[in-house]
PDB file of N, CA and C in Angstrom:
ATOM      1  N   UNK A   1     158.020 194.948  11.335  1.00  0.00           N
ATOM      2  CA  UNK A   1     156.629 194.937  10.794  1.00  0.00           C
ATOM      3  C   UNK A   1     156.215 193.378  11.252  1.00  0.00           C
ATOM      4  N   UNK A   2     155.072 193.582  10.680  1.00  0.00           N
ATOM      5  CA  UNK A   2     154.222 192.304  11.301  1.00  0.00           C
ATOM      6  C   UNK A   2     154.055 191.785  10.389  1.00  0.00           C
ATOM      7  N   UNK A   3     153.070 190.555  10.818  1.00  0.00           N
ATOM      8  CA  UNK A   3     152.977 189.058  10.613  1.00  0.00           C
ATOM      9  C   UNK A   3     152.364 189.411   8.856  1.00  0.00           C
ATOM     10  N   UNK A   4     152.641 188.222   7.430  1.00  0.00           N
ATOM     11  CA  UNK A   4     152.074 188.611   6.294  1.00  0.00           C
ATOM     12  C   UNK A   4     150.384 189.106   7.263  1.00  0.00           C
ATOM     13  N   UNK A   5     149.992 189.369   5.712  1.00  0.00           N
ATOM     14  CA  UNK A   5     148.443 189.942   6.341  1.00  0.00           C
ATOM     15  C   UNK A   5     147.499 188.474   5.080  1.00  0.00           C
ATOM     16  N   UNK A   6     148.461 187.689   4.667  1.00  0.00           N
ATOM     17  CA  UNK A   6     148.266 185.910   4.010  1.00  0.00           C
ATOM     18  C   UNK A   6     147.836 184.960   5.077  1.00  0.00           C
ATOM     19  N   UNK A   7     146.705 184.417   5.051  1.00  0.00           N
ATOM     20  CA  UNK A   7     146.752 183.296   6.099  1.00  0.00           C
ATOM     21  C   UNK A   7     146.604 182.127   5.262  1.00  0.00           C
ATOM     22  N   UNK A   8     146.284 182.074   4.294  1.00  0.00           N
ATOM     23  CA  UNK A   8     146.422 180.993   3.139  1.00  0.00           C
ATOM     24  C   UNK A   8     147.540 181.563   1.979  1.00  0.00           C
ATOM     25  N   UNK A   9     147.581 180.367   1.229  1.00  0.00           N
ATOM     26  CA  UNK A   9     148.628 180.371  -0.452  1.00  0.00           C
ATOM     27  C   UNK A   9     147.742 179.290  -1.058  1.00  0.00           C
ATOM     28  N   UNK A  10     147.499 179.395  -2.728  1.00  0.00           N
ATOM     29  CA  UNK A  10     147.272 178.663  -3.723  1.00  0.00           C
ATOM     30  C   UNK A  10     148.296 177.776  -4.317  1.00  0.00           C
ATOM     31  N   UNK A  11     148.567 176.857  -5.130  1.00  0.00           N
ATOM     32  CA  UNK A  11     149.561 176.628  -5.676  1.00  0.00           C
ATOM     33  C   UNK A  11     148.612 175.457  -6.651  1.00  0.00           C
ATOM     34  N   UNK A  12     149.512 175.198  -7.474  1.00  0.00           N
ATOM     35  CA  UNK A  12     148.997 174.466  -8.415  1.00  0.00           C
ATOM     36  C   UNK A  12     149.405 173.132  -8.756  1.00  0.00           C
ATOM     37  N   UNK A  13     149.132 171.785  -8.748  1.00  0.00           N
ATOM     38  CA  UNK A  13     149.522 170.927  -8.069  1.00  0.00           C
ATOM     39  C   UNK A  13     148.687 169.514  -9.828  1.00  0.00           C
ATOM     40  N   UNK A  14     150.356 168.738 -10.013  1.00  0.00           N
ATOM     41  CA  UNK A  14     149.795 168.142 -11.727  1.00  0.00           C
ATOM     42  C   UNK A  14     150.310 166.504 -11.111  1.00  0.00           C
ATOM     43  N   UNK A  15     149.165 165.870 -10.895  1.00  0.00           N
ATOM     44  CA  UNK A  15     149.437 164.396 -10.737  1.00  0.00           C
ATOM     45  C   UNK A  15     149.602 164.011 -12.027  1.00  0.00           C
ATOM     46  N   UNK A  16     150.644 162.918 -12.243  1.00  0.00           N
ATOM     47  CA  UNK A  16     151.130 162.227 -12.920  1.00  0.00           C
ATOM     48  C   UNK A  16     150.794 160.572 -12.767  1.00  0.00           C
ATOM     49  N   UNK A  17     150.719 159.473 -13.581  1.00  0.00           N
ATOM     50  CA  UNK A  17     150.939 158.434 -14.093  1.00  0.00           C
ATOM     51  C   UNK A  17     149.660 157.847 -12.958  1.00  0.00           C
ATOM     52  N   UNK A  18     149.769 156.528 -12.075  1.00  0.00           N
ATOM     53  CA  UNK A  18     148.796 156.424 -11.504  1.00  0.00           C
ATOM     54  C   UNK A  18     148.009 157.183 -10.358  1.00  0.00           C
ATOM     55  N   UNK A  19     148.812 158.004 -10.148  1.00  0.00           N
ATOM     56  CA  UNK A  19     148.521 159.050  -9.189  1.00  0.00           C
ATOM     57  C   UNK A  19     147.141 159.818  -9.483  1.00  0.00           C
ATOM     58  N   UNK A  20     147.203 160.371 -10.252  1.00  0.00           N
ATOM     59  CA  UNK A  20     146.110 160.393 -11.647  1.00  0.00           C
ATOM     60  C   UNK A  20     144.538 160.128 -11.004  1.00  0.00           C
ATOM     61  N   UNK A  21     144.649 158.587 -10.548  1.00  0.00           N
ATOM     62  CA  UNK A  21     143.785 158.466 -10.347  1.00  0.00           C
ATOM     63  C   UNK A  21     142.821 159.091  -9.235  1.00  0.00           C
ATOM     64  N   UNK A  22     143.503 159.254  -8.207  1.00  0.00           N
ATOM     65  CA  UNK A  22     143.076 159.427  -7.061  1.00  0.00           C
ATOM     66  C   UNK A  22     142.377 161.318  -7.195  1.00  0.00           C
ATOM     67  N   UNK A  23     142.326 161.840  -8.426  1.00  0.00           N
ATOM     68  CA  UNK A  23     141.940 162.744  -9.034  1.00  0.00           C
ATOM     69  C   UNK A  23     141.166 163.176 -10.334  1.00  0.00           C
ATOM     70  N   UNK A  24     140.135 162.125 -10.681  1.00  0.00           N
ATOM     71  CA  UNK A  24     139.548 161.681 -11.536  1.00  0.00           C
ATOM     72  C   UNK A  24     139.360 162.475 -12.956  1.00  0.00           C
ATOM     73  N   UNK A  25     138.782 163.540 -12.007  1.00  0.00           N
ATOM     74  CA  UNK A  25     138.213 164.590 -12.870  1.00  0.00           C
ATOM     75  C   UNK A  25     139.252 165.401 -13.721  1.00  0.00           C
ATOM     76  N   UNK A  26     140.312 165.748 -13.318  1.00  0.00           N
ATOM     77  CA  UNK A  26     141.612 166.254 -14.258  1.00  0.00           C
ATOM     78  C   UNK A  26     142.306 166.012 -14.894  1.00  0.00           C
ATOM     79  N   UNK A  27     141.414 166.691 -16.307  1.00  0.00           N
ATOM     80  CA  UNK A  27     142.588 165.940 -17.192  1.00  0.00           C
ATOM     81  C   UNK A  27     144.219 165.496 -17.463  1.00  0.00           C
ATOM     82  N   UNK A  28     144.593 164.963 -18.084  1.00  0.00           N
ATOM     83  CA  UNK A  28     146.055 164.836 -18.365  1.00  0.00           C
ATOM     84  C   UNK A  28     146.296 166.419 -18.854  1.00  0.00           C
ATOM     85  N   UNK A  29     147.232 166.582 -17.659  1.00  0.00           N
ATOM     86  CA  UNK A  29     148.245 167.617 -17.565  1.00  0.00           C
ATOM     87  C   UNK A  29     147.682 168.894 -16.716  1.00  0.00           C
ATOM     88  N   UNK A  30     146.659 168.082 -16.786  1.00  0.00           N
ATOM     89  CA  UNK A  30     145.709 169.494 -16.102  1.00  0.00           C
ATOM     90  C   UNK A  30     145.800 169.650 -14.773  1.00  0.00           C
ATOM     91  N   UNK A  31     146.254 171.459 -14.098  1.00  0.00           N
ATOM     92  CA  UNK A  31     146.881 172.041 -13.074  1.00  0.00           C
ATOM     93  C   UNK A  31     145.343 171.457 -12.269  1.00  0.00           C
ATOM     94  N   UNK A  32     146.066 171.393 -11.320  1.00  0.00           N
ATOM     95  CA  UNK A  32     144.618 171.560  -9.994  1.00  0.00           C
ATOM     96  C   UNK A  32     144.964 172.872  -9.022  1.00  0.00           C
ATOM     97  N   UNK A  33     143.749 173.295  -8.701  1.00  0.00           N
ATOM     98  CA  UNK A  33     143.862 174.782  -7.678  1.00  0.00           C
ATOM     99  C   UNK A  33     144.155 174.316  -6.123  1.00  0.00           C
ATOM    100  N   UNK A  34     145.084 173.960  -5.452  1.00  0.00           N
ATOM    101  CA  UNK A  34     145.080 173.984  -4.173  1.00  0.00           C
ATOM    102  C   UNK A  34     145.206 175.411  -3.265  1.00  0.00           C
ATOM    103  N   UNK A  35     144.186 175.193  -1.947  1.00  0.00           N
ATOM    104  CA  UNK A  35     144.273 176.334  -1.256  1.00  0.00           C
ATOM    105  C   UNK A  35     145.262 175.850   0.357  1.00  0.00           C
ATOM    106  N   UNK A  36     146.636 176.155   0.894  1.00  0.00           N
ATOM    107  CA  UNK A  36     146.596 176.240   1.497  1.00  0.00           C
ATOM    108  C   UNK A  36     147.266 176.372   3.118  1.00  0.00           C
ATOM    109  N   UNK A  37     147.400 176.619   4.061  1.00  0.00           N
ATOM    110  CA  UNK A  37     147.955 177.409   5.314  1.00  0.00           C
ATOM    111  C   UNK A  37     148.758 178.092   4.929  1.00  0.00           C
ATOM    112  N   UNK A  38     148.994 179.218   4.905  1.00  0.00           N
ATOM    113  CA  UNK A  38     150.112 179.980   5.017  1.00  0.00           C
ATOM    114  C   UNK A  38     151.164 179.121   5.228  1.00  0.00           C
ATOM    115  N   UNK A  39     152.633 178.544   4.712  1.00  0.00           N
ATOM    116  CA  UNK A  39     153.658 178.062   5.503  1.00  0.00           C
ATOM    117  C   UNK A  39     153.539 176.700   5.717  1.00  0.00           C
ATOM    118  N   UNK A  40     152.606 176.070   4.724  1.00  0.00           N
ATOM    119  CA  UNK A  40     152.898 174.798   4.841  1.00  0.00           C
ATOM    120  C   UNK A  40     153.407 174.414   3.664  1.00  0.00           C
ATOM    121  N   UNK A  41     154.101 172.895   3.677  1.00  0.00           N
ATOM    122  CA  UNK A  41     155.300 171.719   3.203  1.00  0.00           C
ATOM    123  C   UNK A  41     154.650 170.837   2.357  1.00  0.00           C
ATOM    124  N   UNK A  42     155.140 170.870   1.219  1.00  0.00           N
ATOM    125  CA  UNK A  42     155.217 169.510   0.293  1.00  0.00           C
ATOM    126  C   UNK A  42     154.488 168.398   1.324  1.00  0.00           C
ATOM    127  N   UNK A  43     154.788 168.446   2.533  1.00  0.00           N
ATOM    128  CA  UNK A  43     154.092 166.740   3.026  1.00  0.00           C
ATOM    129  C   UNK A  43     152.695 167.141   3.492  1.00  0.00           C
ATOM    130  N   UNK A  44     152.619 168.142   3.716  1.00  0.00           N
ATOM    131  CA  UNK A  44     150.971 168.621   4.240  1.00  0.00           C
ATOM    132  C   UNK A  44     150.505 168.826   3.345  1.00  0.00           C
ATOM    133  N   UNK A  45     150.657 169.337   2.216  1.00  0.00           N
ATOM    134  CA  UNK A  45     150.210 169.076   0.814  1.00  0.00           C
ATOM    135  C   UNK A  45     149.836 167.462  -0.102  1.00  0.00           C
ATOM    136  N   UNK A  46     150.468 166.468   0.317  1.00  0.00           N
ATOM    137  CA  UNK A  46     150.163 165.110   0.646  1.00  0.00           C
ATOM    138  C   UNK A  46     149.245 164.842   1.115  1.00  0.00           C
ATOM    139  N   UNK A  47     149.614 164.533   2.440  1.00  0.00           N
ATOM    140  CA  UNK A  47     148.391 164.895   3.108  1.00  0.00           C
ATOM    141  C   UNK A  47     147.017 165.490   3.052  1.00  0.00           C
ATOM    142  N   UNK A  48     147.207 166.910   2.492  1.00  0.00           N
ATOM    143  CA  UNK A  48     145.670 167.274   2.524  1.00  0.00           C
ATOM    144  C   UNK A  48     145.573 166.805   0.852  1.00  0.00           C
ATOM    145  N   UNK A  49     145.683 166.788   0.024  1.00  0.00           N
ATOM    146  CA  UNK A  49     145.408 165.521  -0.871  1.00  0.00           C
ATOM    147  C   UNK A  49     144.850 163.817  -0.898  1.00  0.00           C
ATOM    148  N   UNK A  50     145.173 163.183   0.485  1.00  0.00           N
ATOM    149  CA  UNK A  50     145.657 162.396   1.044  1.00  0.00           C
ATOM    150  C   UNK A  50     145.659 161.116  -0.025  1.00  0.00           C
ATOM    151  N   UNK A  51     146.707 161.661  -0.236  1.00  0.00           N
ATOM    152  CA  UNK A  51     147.417 160.929  -1.527  1.00  0.00           C
ATOM    153  C   UNK A  51     148.395 159.495  -0.464  1.00  0.00           C
ATOM    154  N   UNK A  52     148.467 158.553  -0.639  1.00  0.00           N
ATOM    155  CA  UNK A  52     149.384 157.249   0.590  1.00  0.00           C
ATOM    156  C   UNK A  52     150.454 157.945  -0.214  1.00  0.00           C
ATOM    157  N   UNK A  53     151.262 157.941   0.727  1.00  0.00           N
ATOM    158  CA  UNK A  53     152.549 158.286   1.041  1.00  0.00           C
ATOM    159  C   UNK A  53     153.659 157.605   0.069  1.00  0.00           C
ATOM    160  N   UNK A  54     153.607 156.110   0.614  1.00  0.00           N
ATOM    161  CA  UNK A  54     153.987 155.506  -0.451  1.00  0.00           C
ATOM    162  C   UNK A  54     153.855 155.145  -1.919  1.00  0.00           C
ATOM    163  N   UNK A  55     153.374 155.546  -2.058  1.00  0.00           N
ATOM    164  CA  UNK A  55     152.735 156.331  -3.565  1.00  0.00           C
ATOM    165  C   UNK A  55     153.285 157.258  -4.314  1.00  0.00           C
ATOM    166  N   UNK A  56     153.916 158.251  -3.102  1.00  0.00           N
ATOM    167  CA  UNK A  56     154.689 159.672  -3.846  1.00  0.00           C
ATOM    168  C   UNK A  56     156.092 159.158  -3.381  1.00  0.00           C
ATOM    169  N   UNK A  57     156.876 158.919  -4.918  1.00  0.00           N
ATOM    170  CA  UNK A  57     158.073 159.448  -4.936  1.00  0.00           C
ATOM    171  C   UNK A  57     158.962 160.568  -5.247  1.00  0.00           C
ATOM    172  N   UNK A  58     158.573 161.118  -6.292  1.00  0.00           N
ATOM    173  CA  UNK A  58     158.762 162.533  -6.533  1.00  0.00           C
ATOM    174  C   UNK A  58     158.424 163.768  -7.005  1.00  0.00           C
ATOM    175  N   UNK A  59     158.718 164.929  -5.721  1.00  0.00           N
ATOM    176  CA  UNK A  59     157.664 166.141  -5.729  1.00  0.00           C
ATOM    177  C   UNK A  59     158.539 166.671  -6.217  1.00  0.00           C
ATOM    178  N   UNK A  60     158.522 167.303  -7.727  1.00  0.00           N
ATOM    179  CA  UNK A  60     158.910 168.991  -8.135  1.00  0.00           C
ATOM    180  C   UNK A  60     158.293 169.960  -8.048  1.00  0.00           C
ATOM    181  N   UNK A  61     159.304 171.071  -7.293  1.00  0.00           N
ATOM    182  CA  UNK A  61     158.366 172.513  -7.183  1.00  0.00           C
ATOM    183  C   UNK A  61     158.926 173.443  -8.266  1.00  0.00           C
ATOM    184  N   UNK A  62     158.320 174.089  -9.079  1.00  0.00           N
ATOM    185  CA  UNK A  62     158.342 174.962  -9.521  1.00  0.00           C
ATOM    186  C   UNK A  62     160.006 174.769 -10.486  1.00  0.00           C
ATOM    187  N   UNK A  63     160.007 173.024 -10.899  1.00  0.00           N
ATOM    188  CA  UNK A  63     160.664 172.236 -11.486  1.00  0.00           C
ATOM    189  C   UNK A  63     161.993 171.892 -10.999  1.00  0.00           C
ATOM    190  N   UNK A  64     161.772 171.713  -9.610  1.00  0.00           N
ATOM    191  CA  UNK A  64     163.108 171.471  -8.445  1.00  0.00           C
ATOM    192  C   UNK A  64     162.756 170.507  -7.948  1.00  0.00           C
ATOM    193  N   UNK A  65     163.166 169.605  -7.568  1.00  0.00           N
ATOM    194  CA  UNK A  65     163.071 167.901  -6.820  1.00  0.00           C
ATOM    195  C   UNK A  65     163.227 169.054  -5.275  1.00  0.00           C
ATOM    196  N   UNK A  66     161.976 168.699  -4.361  1.00  0.00           N
ATOM    197  CA  UNK A  66     162.071 168.831  -2.985  1.00  0.00           C
ATOM    198  C   UNK A  66     161.492 167.650  -2.152  1.00  0.00           C
ATOM    199  N   UNK A  67     162.123 168.410  -0.775  1.00  0.00           N
ATOM    200  CA  UNK A  67     161.604 167.138   0.080  1.00  0.00           C
ATOM    201  C   UNK A  67     160.180 167.935   0.578  1.00  0.00           C
ATOM    202  N   UNK A  68     160.386 166.405   1.949  1.00  0.00           N
ATOM    203  CA  UNK A  68     158.561 166.558   2.607  1.00  0.00           C
ATOM    204  C   UNK A  68     158.974 167.932   3.452  1.00  0.00           C
ATOM    205  N   UNK A  69     159.540 168.385   3.536  1.00  0.00           N
ATOM    206  CA  UNK A  69     159.376 169.899   4.367  1.00  0.00           C
ATOM    207  C   UNK A  69     160.346 171.137   3.802  1.00  0.00           C
ATOM    208  N   UNK A  70     159.828 171.041   2.663  1.00  0.00           N
ATOM    209  CA  UNK A  70     160.000 172.190   1.505  1.00  0.00           C
ATOM    210  C   UNK A  70     158.964 173.254   2.320  1.00  0.00           C
ATOM    211  N   UNK A  71     158.884 174.366   2.304  1.00  0.00           N
ATOM    212  CA  UNK A  71     157.936 175.219   2.282  1.00  0.00           C
ATOM    213  C   UNK A  71     157.800 175.867   0.996  1.00  0.00           C
ATOM    214  N   UNK A  72     156.009 175.905   0.956  1.00  0.00           N
ATOM    215  CA  UNK A  72     155.958 176.131  -0.680  1.00  0.00           C
ATOM    216  C   UNK A  72     155.506 177.401  -0.129  1.00  0.00           C
ATOM    217  N   UNK A  73     155.003 178.410  -1.146  1.00  0.00           N
ATOM    218  CA  UNK A  73     154.783 180.181  -1.339  1.00  0.00           C
ATOM    219  C   UNK A  73     153.122 179.774  -2.587  1.00  0.00           C
ATOM    220  N   UNK A  74     153.179 180.988  -2.300  1.00  0.00           N
ATOM    221  CA  UNK A  74     151.840 181.655  -3.160  1.00  0.00           C
ATOM    222  C   UNK A  74     152.016 181.607  -4.628  1.00  0.00           C
ATOM    223  N   UNK A  75     151.677 180.410  -5.829  1.00  0.00           N
ATOM    224  CA  UNK A  75     151.933 180.605  -7.087  1.00  0.00           C
ATOM    225  C   UNK A  75     152.828 179.512  -7.059  1.00  0.00           C
ATOM    226  N   UNK A  76     153.389 178.493  -6.517  1.00  0.00           N
ATOM    227  CA  UNK A  76     153.928 177.594  -6.705  1.00  0.00           C
ATOM    228  C   UNK A  76     153.628 176.806  -7.327  1.00  0.00           C
ATOM    229  N   UNK A  77     154.084 175.980  -8.553  1.00  0.00           N
ATOM    230  CA  UNK A  77     153.828 175.045  -9.327  1.00  0.00           C
ATOM    231  C   UNK A  77     154.597 173.523  -8.636  1.00  0.00           C
ATOM    232  N   UNK A  78     153.401 172.371  -9.039  1.00  0.00           N
ATOM    233  CA  UNK A  78     153.653 171.263  -8.421  1.00  0.00           C
ATOM    234  C   UNK A  78     153.390 170.246  -9.191  1.00  0.00           C
ATOM    235  N   UNK A  79     154.789 169.392  -9.610  1.00  0.00           N
ATOM    236  CA  UNK A  79     154.148 167.993 -10.281  1.00  0.00           C
ATOM    237  C   UNK A  79     154.509 166.362  -9.104  1.00  0.00           C
ATOM    238  N   UNK A  80     154.120 165.836  -9.433  1.00  0.00           N
ATOM    239  CA  UNK A  80     153.631 165.059  -8.087  1.00  0.00           C
ATOM    240  C   UNK A  80     153.767 163.635  -8.949  1.00  0.00           C
ATOM    241  N   UNK A  81     154.471 163.001  -8.961  1.00  0.00           N
ATOM    242  CA  UNK A  81     154.808 161.737  -9.516  1.00  0.00           C
ATOM    243  C   UNK A  81     155.472 160.305  -8.538  1.00  0.00           C
ATOM    244  N   UNK A  82     154.541 158.478  -8.740  1.00  0.00           N
ATOM    245  CA  UNK A  82     155.070 158.209  -8.462  1.00  0.00           C
ATOM    246  C   UNK A  82     156.268 157.177  -8.536  1.00  0.00           C
ATOM    247  N   UNK A  83     156.435 155.991  -7.764  1.00  0.00           N
ATOM    248  CA  UNK A  83     157.924 155.385  -8.235  1.00  0.00           C
ATOM    249  C   UNK A  83     157.156 155.083  -9.523  1.00  0.00           C
ATOM    250  N   UNK A  84     158.305 154.635 -10.736  1.00  0.00           N
ATOM    251  CA  UNK A  84     158.343 154.142 -11.442  1.00  0.00           C
ATOM    252  C   UNK A  84     158.593 152.772 -11.599  1.00  0.00           C
ATOM    253  N   UNK A  85     157.908 151.814 -12.320  1.00  0.00           N
ATOM    254  CA  UNK A  85     158.725 150.512 -12.401  1.00  0.00           C
ATOM    255  C   UNK A  85     158.917 150.266 -13.841  1.00  0.00           C
ATOM    256  N   UNK A  86     160.431 149.387 -14.350  1.00  0.00           N
ATOM    257  CA  UNK A  86     160.828 149.055 -15.488  1.00  0.00           C
ATOM    258  C   UNK A  86     161.932 148.314 -15.565  1.00  0.00           C
ATOM    259  N   UNK A  87     162.565 148.039 -16.393  1.00  0.00           N
ATOM    260  CA  UNK A  87     163.102 146.761 -16.785  1.00  0.00           C
ATOM    261  C   UNK A  87     164.135 147.146 -17.811  1.00  0.00           C
TER     262      UNK A  87
END
């Protein structure tokens, strides 16, 4: 079998809390479409969005917490959260 004909994937990203300020044109709970190269990881997505790595605490991919090395697939839906303070 040959290599996949797709050279890129499209994912939907929702930024939460303080991370939303990096993309103010997207409303509360509004998903942002992002095109990435085929085989891209969560970590590469964070870099592509230019989010400060120290401000990204938790990334959900299709409702499951995933690490930076998780490979994304076309159509994945992500939620990216900063560290949560409280007391």
